[in-house]
Amino acid sequence: MTDDRRPNNPQAMSPRTISALIIGGLVLWGLYIAAGVIWYGLNPLGGVVVLVCVAIFVGFWMLLLRTQKNENGP
């Protein structure tokens, strides 16, 4: 029996799609952690701190990816 579930093209997902999935996962993770801090923490502003930190981290990496793309090609 052959396994026909694998795509024939090994580059089925573009690097942009992979980056979008990773960034989306980081945002969802940040929302999950912030919700936990709000619901189970003593300080409800802790969730805002978590969301701001995640936003700064993701924004920084998006900026780096954008500048790298501009330097490597048109």
N, C-alpha and C. Protein backbone atom coordinates (compact mmCIF):
# COMPACT_ATOMS: atom_id res chain seq x y z
N MET A 1 0.83 -1.17 0.00
CA MET A 1 0.00 0.00 0.00
C MET A 1 0.88 1.24 0.00
N THR A 2 0.47 2.20 -0.76
CA THR A 2 1.20 3.46 -0.79
C THR A 2 0.43 4.52 -0.01
N ASP A 3 1.18 5.43 0.54
CA ASP A 3 0.58 6.51 1.30
C ASP A 3 0.44 7.72 0.39
N ASP A 4 -0.77 8.01 -0.07
CA ASP A 4 -1.02 9.11 -1.00
C ASP A 4 -1.44 10.39 -0.30
N ARG A 5 -1.30 10.45 1.02
CA ARG A 5 -1.72 11.65 1.74
C ARG A 5 -0.68 12.75 1.68
N ARG A 6 0.55 12.44 1.42
CA ARG A 6 1.59 13.46 1.34
C ARG A 6 1.50 14.18 0.00
N PRO A 7 1.71 15.50 -0.01
CA PRO A 7 1.67 16.22 -1.29
C PRO A 7 2.89 15.89 -2.13
N ASN A 8 2.72 15.97 -3.44
CA ASN A 8 3.83 15.69 -4.34
C ASN A 8 4.87 16.80 -4.31
N ASN A 9 4.43 18.01 -4.03
CA ASN A 9 5.33 19.15 -3.99
C ASN A 9 5.81 19.36 -2.55
N PRO A 10 7.11 19.23 -2.30
CA PRO A 10 7.59 19.40 -0.92
C PRO A 10 7.48 20.84 -0.44
N GLN A 11 7.32 21.81 -1.34
CA GLN A 11 7.17 23.21 -0.96
C GLN A 11 5.70 23.62 -1.08
N ALA A 12 4.81 22.86 -0.49
CA ALA A 12 3.39 23.15 -0.59
C ALA A 12 3.02 24.42 0.16
N MET A 13 3.71 24.70 1.26
CA MET A 13 3.43 25.91 2.03
C MET A 13 4.55 26.91 1.82
N SER A 14 4.17 28.14 1.52
CA SER A 14 5.18 29.17 1.29
C SER A 14 5.73 29.66 2.64
N PRO A 15 6.90 30.25 2.63
CA PRO A 15 7.44 30.80 3.88
C PRO A 15 6.53 31.86 4.50
N ARG A 16 5.82 32.60 3.67
CA ARG A 16 4.89 33.61 4.19
C ARG A 16 3.74 32.95 4.95
N THR A 17 3.24 31.84 4.45
CA THR A 17 2.18 31.10 5.13
C THR A 17 2.67 30.55 6.46
N ILE A 18 3.86 30.01 6.47
CA ILE A 18 4.43 29.46 7.70
C ILE A 18 4.62 30.58 8.73
N SER A 19 5.12 31.74 8.29
CA SER A 19 5.29 32.87 9.21
C SER A 19 3.95 33.33 9.77
N ALA A 20 2.93 33.38 8.92
CA ALA A 20 1.60 33.79 9.38
C ALA A 20 1.04 32.81 10.40
N LEU A 21 1.27 31.53 10.20
CA LEU A 21 0.81 30.53 11.17
C LEU A 21 1.54 30.66 12.51
N ILE A 22 2.83 30.90 12.45
CA ILE A 22 3.60 31.05 13.69
C ILE A 22 3.17 32.30 14.44
N ILE A 23 3.02 33.41 13.73
CA ILE A 23 2.61 34.66 14.37
C ILE A 23 1.20 34.53 14.92
N GLY A 24 0.31 33.90 14.17
CA GLY A 24 -1.04 33.67 14.67
C GLY A 24 -1.05 32.80 15.92
N GLY A 25 -0.19 31.79 15.94
CA GLY A 25 -0.07 30.94 17.12
C GLY A 25 0.45 31.70 18.33
N LEU A 26 1.41 32.60 18.10
CA LEU A 26 1.93 33.41 19.21
C LEU A 26 0.86 34.35 19.76
N VAL A 27 0.05 34.92 18.87
CA VAL A 27 -1.02 35.81 19.33
C VAL A 27 -2.06 35.03 20.12
N LEU A 28 -2.44 33.85 19.63
CA LEU A 28 -3.40 33.02 20.36
C LEU A 28 -2.83 32.59 21.72
N TRP A 29 -1.56 32.25 21.75
CA TRP A 29 -0.91 31.87 23.01
C TRP A 29 -0.94 33.04 23.98
N GLY A 30 -0.66 34.25 23.50
CA GLY A 30 -0.69 35.43 24.34
C GLY A 30 -2.08 35.71 24.89
N LEU A 31 -3.10 35.53 24.05
CA LEU A 31 -4.48 35.70 24.52
C LEU A 31 -4.84 34.67 25.58
N TYR A 32 -4.37 33.45 25.39
CA TYR A 32 -4.64 32.38 26.35
C TYR A 32 -3.98 32.68 27.70
N ILE A 33 -2.73 33.10 27.67
CA ILE A 33 -2.02 33.43 28.90
C ILE A 33 -2.65 34.65 29.57
N ALA A 34 -3.01 35.66 28.79
CA ALA A 34 -3.63 36.86 29.35
C ALA A 34 -4.98 36.53 30.00
N ALA A 35 -5.77 35.67 29.36
CA ALA A 35 -7.05 35.27 29.96
C ALA A 35 -6.82 34.55 31.28
N GLY A 36 -5.81 33.70 31.34
CA GLY A 36 -5.49 33.00 32.58
C GLY A 36 -5.05 33.95 33.68
N VAL A 37 -4.28 34.96 33.31
CA VAL A 37 -3.83 35.94 34.30
C VAL A 37 -5.02 36.75 34.81
N ILE A 38 -5.92 37.11 33.92
CA ILE A 38 -7.09 37.90 34.33
C ILE A 38 -8.01 37.09 35.24
N TRP A 39 -8.28 35.84 34.85
CA TRP A 39 -9.24 35.03 35.61
C TRP A 39 -8.67 34.49 36.91
N TYR A 40 -7.39 34.13 36.92
CA TYR A 40 -6.82 33.48 38.10
C TYR A 40 -5.81 34.33 38.85
N GLY A 41 -5.45 35.48 38.32
CA GLY A 41 -4.45 36.32 38.97
C GLY A 41 -5.09 37.29 39.96
N LEU A 42 -4.25 37.87 40.76
CA LEU A 42 -4.72 38.84 41.73
C LEU A 42 -4.90 40.22 41.12
N ASN A 43 -4.14 40.54 40.10
CA ASN A 43 -4.18 41.86 39.48
C ASN A 43 -4.77 41.73 38.07
N PRO A 44 -5.95 42.29 37.80
CA PRO A 44 -6.54 42.17 36.46
C PRO A 44 -5.74 42.90 35.39
N LEU A 45 -4.91 43.86 35.77
CA LEU A 45 -4.07 44.54 34.77
C LEU A 45 -2.91 43.66 34.30
N GLY A 46 -2.69 42.54 34.96
CA GLY A 46 -1.64 41.63 34.52
C GLY A 46 -1.89 41.10 33.11
N GLY A 47 -3.16 40.92 32.77
CA GLY A 47 -3.51 40.48 31.41
C GLY A 47 -3.13 41.51 30.37
N VAL A 48 -3.29 42.77 30.72
CA VAL A 48 -2.90 43.84 29.80
C VAL A 48 -1.38 43.85 29.62
N VAL A 49 -0.66 43.62 30.68
CA VAL A 49 0.80 43.56 30.60
C VAL A 49 1.22 42.42 29.67
N VAL A 50 0.58 41.27 29.81
CA VAL A 50 0.91 40.13 28.95
C VAL A 50 0.61 40.46 27.49
N LEU A 51 -0.55 41.06 27.22
CA LEU A 51 -0.91 41.39 25.85
C LEU A 51 0.04 42.43 25.25
N VAL A 52 0.46 43.40 26.04
CA VAL A 52 1.40 44.40 25.54
C VAL A 52 2.75 43.76 25.23
N CYS A 53 3.21 42.87 26.09
CA CYS A 53 4.49 42.19 25.84
C CYS A 53 4.43 41.33 24.59
N VAL A 54 3.33 40.61 24.40
CA VAL A 54 3.18 39.78 23.19
C VAL A 54 3.12 40.68 21.96
N ALA A 55 2.40 41.79 22.05
CA ALA A 55 2.30 42.70 20.90
C ALA A 55 3.67 43.29 20.54
N ILE A 56 4.45 43.66 21.54
CA ILE A 56 5.79 44.20 21.29
C ILE A 56 6.67 43.13 20.64
N PHE A 57 6.62 41.91 21.17
CA PHE A 57 7.44 40.83 20.63
C PHE A 57 7.06 40.52 19.18
N VAL A 58 5.76 40.35 18.92
CA VAL A 58 5.32 40.01 17.55
C VAL A 58 5.59 41.18 16.61
N GLY A 59 5.33 42.40 17.07
CA GLY A 59 5.59 43.56 16.22
C GLY A 59 7.07 43.70 15.88
N PHE A 60 7.94 43.44 16.84
CA PHE A 60 9.38 43.50 16.60
C PHE A 60 9.79 42.48 15.54
N TRP A 61 9.29 41.26 15.65
CA TRP A 61 9.66 40.24 14.68
C TRP A 61 9.07 40.50 13.30
N MET A 62 7.87 41.06 13.27
CA MET A 62 7.29 41.42 11.96
C MET A 62 8.12 42.53 11.30
N LEU A 63 8.59 43.49 12.11
CA LEU A 63 9.45 44.54 11.58
C LEU A 63 10.75 43.96 11.05
N LEU A 64 11.35 43.05 11.79
CA LEU A 64 12.59 42.42 11.33
C LEU A 64 12.38 41.62 10.05
N LEU A 65 11.29 40.89 9.97
CA LEU A 65 11.01 40.12 8.76
C LEU A 65 10.77 41.02 7.56
N ARG A 66 10.10 42.13 7.79
CA ARG A 66 9.83 43.06 6.69
C ARG A 66 11.12 43.71 6.20
N THR A 67 12.00 44.12 7.11
CA THR A 67 13.25 44.74 6.68
C THR A 67 14.17 43.73 6.01
N GLN A 68 14.15 42.48 6.45
CA GLN A 68 14.96 41.45 5.81
C GLN A 68 14.47 41.20 4.40
N LYS A 69 13.16 41.18 4.20
CA LYS A 69 12.60 40.96 2.87
C LYS A 69 12.98 42.10 1.93
N ASN A 70 12.97 43.34 2.43
CA ASN A 70 13.32 44.49 1.60
C ASN A 70 14.80 44.49 1.22
N GLU A 71 15.66 43.97 2.09
CA GLU A 71 17.09 43.96 1.79
C GLU A 71 17.46 42.85 0.80
N ASN A 72 16.73 41.75 0.81
CA ASN A 72 17.10 40.61 -0.03
C ASN A 72 16.57 40.70 -1.44
N GLY A 73 15.59 41.49 -1.69
CA GLY A 73 15.07 41.53 -3.04
C GLY A 73 14.17 42.73 -3.25
N PRO A 74 13.71 42.89 -4.49
CA PRO A 74 12.86 44.04 -4.80
C PRO A 74 11.48 43.94 -4.21
